[in-house]
Amino acid sequence: MKQGIHPDYHDIKVVMTDGSEFVTRSCYGAKDATLNLDIDPKVHPAWTGGQQQLMDRGGRLSRFNSKFGGLFTKK
């Protein structure tokens, strides 16, 4: 392998939305960094069948709904 062209691959801690955590290897951040997830497979509608609501963090969902809310209404 060519030296000096590959990213640093190290252990990081991933914290899920419910507080559970696990250690994995990644190029993210520095060694022993923590990655806090806003949306993960436990709460995302694509994996839960759409039964749960997404949390509105920072008003992004509200802003989207006010801008495009009437676009997706059933006729």
PDB file of N, CA and C in Angstrom:
ATOM      1  N   MET A   1       0.829  -1.185   0.000  1.00  0.00           N
ATOM      2  CA  MET A   1       0.000   0.000   0.000  1.00  0.00           C
ATOM      3  C   MET A   1       0.874   1.249   0.000  1.00  0.00           C
ATOM      4  N   LYS A   2       0.362   2.284  -0.612  1.00  0.00           N
ATOM      5  CA  LYS A   2       1.070   3.551  -0.656  1.00  0.00           C
ATOM      6  C   LYS A   2       0.967   4.235   0.703  1.00  0.00           C
ATOM      7  N   GLN A   3       2.064   4.727   1.213  1.00  0.00           N
ATOM      8  CA  GLN A   3       2.114   5.356   2.531  1.00  0.00           C
ATOM      9  C   GLN A   3       1.612   6.796   2.480  1.00  0.00           C
ATOM     10  N   GLY A   4       0.921   7.233   3.553  1.00  0.00           N
ATOM     11  CA  GLY A   4       0.524   8.623   3.714  1.00  0.00           C
ATOM     12  C   GLY A   4      -0.722   9.067   2.969  1.00  0.00           C
ATOM     13  N   ILE A   5      -1.445   8.149   2.318  1.00  0.00           N
ATOM     14  CA  ILE A   5      -2.638   8.567   1.586  1.00  0.00           C
ATOM     15  C   ILE A   5      -3.932   8.090   2.239  1.00  0.00           C
ATOM     16  N   HIS A   6      -3.836   7.241   3.250  1.00  0.00           N
ATOM     17  CA  HIS A   6      -5.021   6.677   3.879  1.00  0.00           C
ATOM     18  C   HIS A   6      -5.385   7.462   5.135  1.00  0.00           C
ATOM     19  N   PRO A   7      -6.693   7.669   5.387  1.00  0.00           N
ATOM     20  CA  PRO A   7      -7.111   8.408   6.578  1.00  0.00           C
ATOM     21  C   PRO A   7      -6.838   7.605   7.854  1.00  0.00           C
ATOM     22  N   ASP A   8      -6.779   8.313   8.964  1.00  0.00           N
ATOM     23  CA  ASP A   8      -6.588   7.688  10.272  1.00  0.00           C
ATOM     24  C   ASP A   8      -7.860   6.939  10.648  1.00  0.00           C
ATOM     25  N   TYR A   9      -7.772   5.641  10.830  1.00  0.00           N
ATOM     26  CA  TYR A   9      -8.908   4.774  11.143  1.00  0.00           C
ATOM     27  C   TYR A   9      -8.771   4.362  12.594  1.00  0.00           C
ATOM     28  N   HIS A  10      -9.717   4.757  13.455  1.00  0.00           N
ATOM     29  CA  HIS A  10      -9.577   4.578  14.891  1.00  0.00           C
ATOM     30  C   HIS A  10     -10.929   4.285  15.544  1.00  0.00           C
ATOM     31  N   ASP A  11     -10.926   3.957  16.831  1.00  0.00           N
ATOM     32  CA  ASP A  11     -12.155   3.684  17.578  1.00  0.00           C
ATOM     33  C   ASP A  11     -12.837   4.988  17.966  1.00  0.00           C
ATOM     34  N   ILE A  12     -14.192   5.031  17.817  1.00  0.00           N
ATOM     35  CA  ILE A  12     -14.996   6.147  18.311  1.00  0.00           C
ATOM     36  C   ILE A  12     -16.189   5.572  19.057  1.00  0.00           C
ATOM     37  N   LYS A  13     -16.818   6.389  19.877  1.00  0.00           N
ATOM     38  CA  LYS A  13     -18.024   5.984  20.600  1.00  0.00           C
ATOM     39  C   LYS A  13     -19.225   6.636  19.918  1.00  0.00           C
ATOM     40  N   VAL A  14     -20.254   5.846  19.595  1.00  0.00           N
ATOM     41  CA  VAL A  14     -21.479   6.345  18.987  1.00  0.00           C
ATOM     42  C   VAL A  14     -22.576   6.287  20.041  1.00  0.00           C
ATOM     43  N   VAL A  15     -23.257   7.431  20.268  1.00  0.00           N
ATOM     44  CA  VAL A  15     -24.340   7.511  21.247  1.00  0.00           C
ATOM     45  C   VAL A  15     -25.653   7.650  20.482  1.00  0.00           C
ATOM     46  N   MET A  16     -26.544   6.667  20.674  1.00  0.00           N
ATOM     47  CA  MET A  16     -27.845   6.660  20.003  1.00  0.00           C
ATOM     48  C   MET A  16     -28.777   7.663  20.678  1.00  0.00           C
ATOM     49  N   THR A  17     -29.956   7.894  20.092  1.00  0.00           N
ATOM     50  CA  THR A  17     -30.898   8.875  20.632  1.00  0.00           C
ATOM     51  C   THR A  17     -31.457   8.467  21.989  1.00  0.00           C
ATOM     52  N   ASP A  18     -31.504   7.173  22.291  1.00  0.00           N
ATOM     53  CA  ASP A  18     -32.023   6.721  23.587  1.00  0.00           C
ATOM     54  C   ASP A  18     -30.938   6.659  24.657  1.00  0.00           C
ATOM     55  N   GLY A  19     -29.718   7.063  24.320  1.00  0.00           N
ATOM     56  CA  GLY A  19     -28.631   7.064  25.297  1.00  0.00           C
ATOM     57  C   GLY A  19     -27.744   5.838  25.249  1.00  0.00           C
ATOM     58  N   SER A  20     -28.178   4.786  24.550  1.00  0.00           N
ATOM     59  CA  SER A  20     -27.316   3.606  24.438  1.00  0.00           C
ATOM     60  C   SER A  20     -26.114   3.966  23.579  1.00  0.00           C
ATOM     61  N   GLU A  21     -25.023   3.276  23.794  1.00  0.00           N
ATOM     62  CA  GLU A  21     -23.802   3.597  23.065  1.00  0.00           C
ATOM     63  C   GLU A  21     -23.049   2.338  22.687  1.00  0.00           C
ATOM     64  N   PHE A  22     -22.225   2.469  21.670  1.00  0.00           N
ATOM     65  CA  PHE A  22     -21.369   1.370  21.248  1.00  0.00           C
ATOM     66  C   PHE A  22     -20.083   1.955  20.660  1.00  0.00           C
ATOM     67  N   VAL A  23     -19.070   1.130  20.568  1.00  0.00           N
ATOM     68  CA  VAL A  23     -17.773   1.549  20.020  1.00  0.00           C
ATOM     69  C   VAL A  23     -17.610   0.912  18.647  1.00  0.00           C
ATOM     70  N   THR A  24     -17.174   1.706  17.688  1.00  0.00           N
ATOM     71  CA  THR A  24     -16.930   1.216  16.340  1.00  0.00           C
ATOM     72  C   THR A  24     -15.669   1.875  15.799  1.00  0.00           C
ATOM     73  N   ARG A  25     -15.217   1.422  14.664  1.00  0.00           N
ATOM     74  CA  ARG A  25     -14.029   2.025  14.048  1.00  0.00           C
ATOM     75  C   ARG A  25     -14.485   2.938  12.922  1.00  0.00           C
ATOM     76  N   SER A  26     -13.852   4.111  12.823  1.00  0.00           N
ATOM     77  CA  SER A  26     -14.271   5.111  11.854  1.00  0.00           C
ATOM     78  C   SER A  26     -13.144   6.086  11.566  1.00  0.00           C
ATOM     79  N   CYS A  27     -13.327   6.892  10.536  1.00  0.00           N
ATOM     80  CA  CYS A  27     -12.412   7.996  10.223  1.00  0.00           C
ATOM     81  C   CYS A  27     -12.921   9.289  10.834  1.00  0.00           C
ATOM     82  N   TYR A  28     -14.092   9.257  11.487  1.00  0.00           N
ATOM     83  CA  TYR A  28     -14.709  10.440  12.075  1.00  0.00           C
ATOM     84  C   TYR A  28     -13.877  10.981  13.241  1.00  0.00           C
ATOM     85  N   GLY A  29     -13.652  12.278  13.272  1.00  0.00           N
ATOM     86  CA  GLY A  29     -13.006  12.930  14.401  1.00  0.00           C
ATOM     87  C   GLY A  29     -11.627  12.383  14.733  1.00  0.00           C
ATOM     88  N   ALA A  30     -11.284  12.527  16.009  1.00  0.00           N
ATOM     89  CA  ALA A  30      -9.998  12.043  16.509  1.00  0.00           C
ATOM     90  C   ALA A  30     -10.225  10.739  17.264  1.00  0.00           C
ATOM     91  N   LYS A  31      -9.151  10.114  17.673  1.00  0.00           N
ATOM     92  CA  LYS A  31      -9.257   8.866  18.419  1.00  0.00           C
ATOM     93  C   LYS A  31     -10.075   9.098  19.694  1.00  0.00           C
ATOM     94  N   ASP A  32     -10.971   8.168  20.012  1.00  0.00           N
ATOM     95  CA  ASP A  32     -11.863   8.208  21.174  1.00  0.00           C
ATOM     96  C   ASP A  32     -12.860   9.359  21.131  1.00  0.00           C
ATOM     97  N   ALA A  33     -13.195   9.874  19.934  1.00  0.00           N
ATOM     98  CA  ALA A  33     -14.217  10.912  19.787  1.00  0.00           C
ATOM     99  C   ALA A  33     -15.594  10.301  20.043  1.00  0.00           C
ATOM    100  N   THR A  34     -16.582  11.165  20.301  1.00  0.00           N
ATOM    101  CA  THR A  34     -17.956  10.725  20.520  1.00  0.00           C
ATOM    102  C   THR A  34     -18.841  11.307  19.436  1.00  0.00           C
ATOM    103  N   LEU A  35     -19.636  10.452  18.778  1.00  0.00           N
ATOM    104  CA  LEU A  35     -20.583  10.865  17.752  1.00  0.00           C
ATOM    105  C   LEU A  35     -21.980  10.713  18.329  1.00  0.00           C
ATOM    106  N   ASN A  36     -22.687  11.834  18.548  1.00  0.00           N
ATOM    107  CA  ASN A  36     -24.053  11.820  19.073  1.00  0.00           C
ATOM    108  C   ASN A  36     -25.030  11.898  17.908  1.00  0.00           C
ATOM    109  N   LEU A  37     -25.896  10.888  17.782  1.00  0.00           N
ATOM    110  CA  LEU A  37     -26.832  10.828  16.672  1.00  0.00           C
ATOM    111  C   LEU A  37     -28.124  11.562  17.006  1.00  0.00           C
ATOM    112  N   ASP A  38     -28.660  12.338  16.046  1.00  0.00           N
ATOM    113  CA  ASP A  38     -29.968  12.974  16.191  1.00  0.00           C
ATOM    114  C   ASP A  38     -31.071  12.017  15.760  1.00  0.00           C
ATOM    115  N   ILE A  39     -30.803  11.267  14.707  1.00  0.00           N
ATOM    116  CA  ILE A  39     -31.765  10.291  14.185  1.00  0.00           C
ATOM    117  C   ILE A  39     -31.009   8.992  13.963  1.00  0.00           C
ATOM    118  N   ASP A  40     -31.577   7.892  14.432  1.00  0.00           N
ATOM    119  CA  ASP A  40     -30.946   6.592  14.249  1.00  0.00           C
ATOM    120  C   ASP A  40     -32.011   5.562  13.880  1.00  0.00           C
ATOM    121  N   PRO A  41     -31.634   4.320  13.607  1.00  0.00           N
ATOM    122  CA  PRO A  41     -32.612   3.310  13.184  1.00  0.00           C
ATOM    123  C   PRO A  41     -33.727   3.043  14.198  1.00  0.00           C
ATOM    124  N   LYS A  42     -33.545   3.412  15.454  1.00  0.00           N
ATOM    125  CA  LYS A  42     -34.591   3.174  16.455  1.00  0.00           C
ATOM    126  C   LYS A  42     -35.735   4.178  16.348  1.00  0.00           C
ATOM    127  N   VAL A  43     -35.497   5.356  15.751  1.00  0.00           N
ATOM    128  CA  VAL A  43     -36.534   6.393  15.684  1.00  0.00           C
ATOM    129  C   VAL A  43     -36.844   6.859  14.268  1.00  0.00           C
ATOM    130  N   HIS A  44     -36.046   6.501  13.273  1.00  0.00           N
ATOM    131  CA  HIS A  44     -36.270   6.990  11.918  1.00  0.00           C
ATOM    132  C   HIS A  44     -37.449   6.263  11.273  1.00  0.00           C
ATOM    133  N   PRO A  45     -38.375   6.995  10.644  1.00  0.00           N
ATOM    134  CA  PRO A  45     -39.562   6.366  10.051  1.00  0.00           C
ATOM    135  C   PRO A  45     -39.253   5.308   8.991  1.00  0.00           C
ATOM    136  N   ALA A  46     -38.103   5.414   8.329  1.00  0.00           N
ATOM    137  CA  ALA A  46     -37.767   4.409   7.315  1.00  0.00           C
ATOM    138  C   ALA A  46     -37.580   3.034   7.941  1.00  0.00           C
ATOM    139  N   TRP A  47     -37.146   2.967   9.185  1.00  0.00           N
ATOM    140  CA  TRP A  47     -36.934   1.691   9.868  1.00  0.00           C
ATOM    141  C   TRP A  47     -38.066   1.334  10.819  1.00  0.00           C
ATOM    142  N   THR A  48     -38.875   2.315  11.240  1.00  0.00           N
ATOM    143  CA  THR A  48     -39.938   2.035  12.200  1.00  0.00           C
ATOM    144  C   THR A  48     -41.294   1.911  11.540  1.00  0.00           C
ATOM    145  N   GLY A  49     -41.381   2.081  10.242  1.00  0.00           N
ATOM    146  CA  GLY A  49     -42.659   1.983   9.552  1.00  0.00           C
ATOM    147  C   GLY A  49     -43.447   3.277   9.584  1.00  0.00           C
ATOM    148  N   GLY A  50     -42.825   4.381   9.969  1.00  0.00           N
ATOM    149  CA  GLY A  50     -43.484   5.679   9.964  1.00  0.00           C
ATOM    150  C   GLY A  50     -44.415   5.923  11.125  1.00  0.00           C
ATOM    151  N   GLN A  51     -44.374   5.100  12.155  1.00  0.00           N
ATOM    152  CA  GLN A  51     -45.287   5.253  13.286  1.00  0.00           C
ATOM    153  C   GLN A  51     -44.872   6.341  14.261  1.00  0.00           C
ATOM    154  N   GLN A  52     -43.593   6.676  14.299  1.00  0.00           N
ATOM    155  CA  GLN A  52     -43.118   7.680  15.236  1.00  0.00           C
ATOM    156  C   GLN A  52     -42.934   9.011  14.528  1.00  0.00           C
ATOM    157  N   GLN A  53     -43.030  10.092  15.297  1.00  0.00           N
ATOM    158  CA  GLN A  53     -42.826  11.428  14.757  1.00  0.00           C
ATOM    159  C   GLN A  53     -41.364  11.823  14.899  1.00  0.00           C
ATOM    160  N   LEU A  54     -40.848  12.556  13.929  1.00  0.00           N
ATOM    161  CA  LEU A  54     -39.495  13.080  14.029  1.00  0.00           C
ATOM    162  C   LEU A  54     -39.478  14.250  15.008  1.00  0.00           C
ATOM    163  N   MET A  55     -38.428  14.347  15.788  1.00  0.00           N
ATOM    164  CA  MET A  55     -38.297  15.466  16.709  1.00  0.00           C
ATOM    165  C   MET A  55     -37.908  16.706  15.927  1.00  0.00           C
ATOM    166  N   ASP A  56     -38.511  17.840  16.280  1.00  0.00           N
ATOM    167  CA  ASP A  56     -38.219  19.103  15.615  1.00  0.00           C
ATOM    168  C   ASP A  56     -37.065  19.775  16.347  1.00  0.00           C
ATOM    169  N   ARG A  57     -35.859  19.650  15.806  1.00  0.00           N
ATOM    170  CA  ARG A  57     -34.670  20.236  16.426  1.00  0.00           C
ATOM    171  C   ARG A  57     -34.359  21.551  15.749  1.00  0.00           C
ATOM    172  N   GLY A  58     -34.477  22.632  16.497  1.00  0.00           N
ATOM    173  CA  GLY A  58     -34.119  23.940  15.981  1.00  0.00           C
ATOM    174  C   GLY A  58     -35.145  24.548  15.047  1.00  0.00           C
ATOM    175  N   GLY A  59     -36.361  24.035  15.028  1.00  0.00           N
ATOM    176  CA  GLY A  59     -37.408  24.620  14.208  1.00  0.00           C
ATOM    177  C   GLY A  59     -37.325  24.278  12.726  1.00  0.00           C
ATOM    178  N   ARG A  60     -36.453  23.362  12.353  1.00  0.00           N
ATOM    179  CA  ARG A  60     -36.297  23.036  10.933  1.00  0.00           C
ATOM    180  C   ARG A  60     -37.564  22.420  10.358  1.00  0.00           C
ATOM    181  N   LEU A  61     -38.181  21.512  11.111  1.00  0.00           N
ATOM    182  CA  LEU A  61     -39.392  20.861  10.636  1.00  0.00           C
ATOM    183  C   LEU A  61     -40.541  21.863  10.564  1.00  0.00           C
ATOM    184  N   SER A  62     -40.646  22.731  11.554  1.00  0.00           N
ATOM    185  CA  SER A  62     -41.688  23.759  11.555  1.00  0.00           C
ATOM    186  C   SER A  62     -41.509  24.713  10.379  1.00  0.00           C
ATOM    187  N   ARG A  63     -40.276  25.113  10.132  1.00  0.00           N
ATOM    188  CA  ARG A  63     -39.988  26.014   9.020  1.00  0.00           C
ATOM    189  C   ARG A  63     -40.347  25.356   7.683  1.00  0.00           C
ATOM    190  N   PHE A  64     -39.999  24.074   7.534  1.00  0.00           N
ATOM    191  CA  PHE A  64     -40.331  23.352   6.306  1.00  0.00           C
ATOM    192  C   PHE A  64     -41.839  23.266   6.132  1.00  0.00           C
ATOM    193  N   ASN A  65     -42.562  22.909   7.196  1.00  0.00           N
ATOM    194  CA  ASN A  65     -44.016  22.777   7.107  1.00  0.00           C
ATOM    195  C   ASN A  65     -44.690  24.101   6.785  1.00  0.00           C
ATOM    196  N   SER A  66     -44.191  25.213   7.340  1.00  0.00           N
ATOM    197  CA  SER A  66     -44.800  26.502   7.034  1.00  0.00           C
ATOM    198  C   SER A  66     -44.528  26.916   5.582  1.00  0.00           C
ATOM    199  N   LYS A  67     -43.392  26.514   5.056  1.00  0.00           N
ATOM    200  CA  LYS A  67     -43.031  26.881   3.689  1.00  0.00           C
ATOM    201  C   LYS A  67     -43.697  25.973   2.652  1.00  0.00           C
ATOM    202  N   PHE A  68     -43.722  24.671   2.905  1.00  0.00           N
ATOM    203  CA  PHE A  68     -44.205  23.705   1.933  1.00  0.00           C
ATOM    204  C   PHE A  68     -45.398  22.888   2.415  1.00  0.00           C
ATOM    205  N   GLY A  69     -46.034  23.270   3.510  1.00  0.00           N
ATOM    206  CA  GLY A  69     -47.109  22.479   4.105  1.00  0.00           C
ATOM    207  C   GLY A  69     -48.267  22.189   3.188  1.00  0.00           C
ATOM    208  N   GLY A  70     -48.685  23.157   2.394  1.00  0.00           N
ATOM    209  CA  GLY A  70     -49.819  22.960   1.496  1.00  0.00           C
ATOM    210  C   GLY A  70     -49.499  22.180   0.244  1.00  0.00           C
ATOM    211  N   LEU A  71     -48.244  21.926   0.011  1.00  0.00           N
ATOM    212  CA  LEU A  71     -47.812  21.252  -1.204  1.00  0.00           C
ATOM    213  C   LEU A  71     -48.202  19.772  -1.221  1.00  0.00           C
ATOM    214  N   PHE A  72     -48.265  19.146  -0.044  1.00  0.00           N
ATOM    215  CA  PHE A  72     -48.477  17.702   0.024  1.00  0.00           C
ATOM    216  C   PHE A  72     -49.853  17.331   0.548  1.00  0.00           C
ATOM    217  N   THR A  73     -50.811  18.227   0.544  1.00  0.00           N
ATOM    218  CA  THR A  73     -52.141  17.893   1.033  1.00  0.00           C
ATOM    219  C   THR A  73     -52.887  17.070  -0.009  1.00  0.00           C
ATOM    220  N   LYS A  74     -53.717  16.157   0.479  1.00  0.00           N
ATOM    221  CA  LYS A  74     -54.490  15.285  -0.422  1.00  0.00           C
ATOM    222  C   LYS A  74     -55.680  16.068  -0.957  1.00  0.00           C
ATOM    223  N   LYS A  75     -55.977  15.838  -2.218  1.00  0.00           N
ATOM    224  CA  LYS A  75     -57.094  16.541  -2.850  1.00  0.00           C
ATOM    225  C   LYS A  75     -58.274  15.622  -2.998  1.00  0.00           C
TER     226      LYS A  75
END
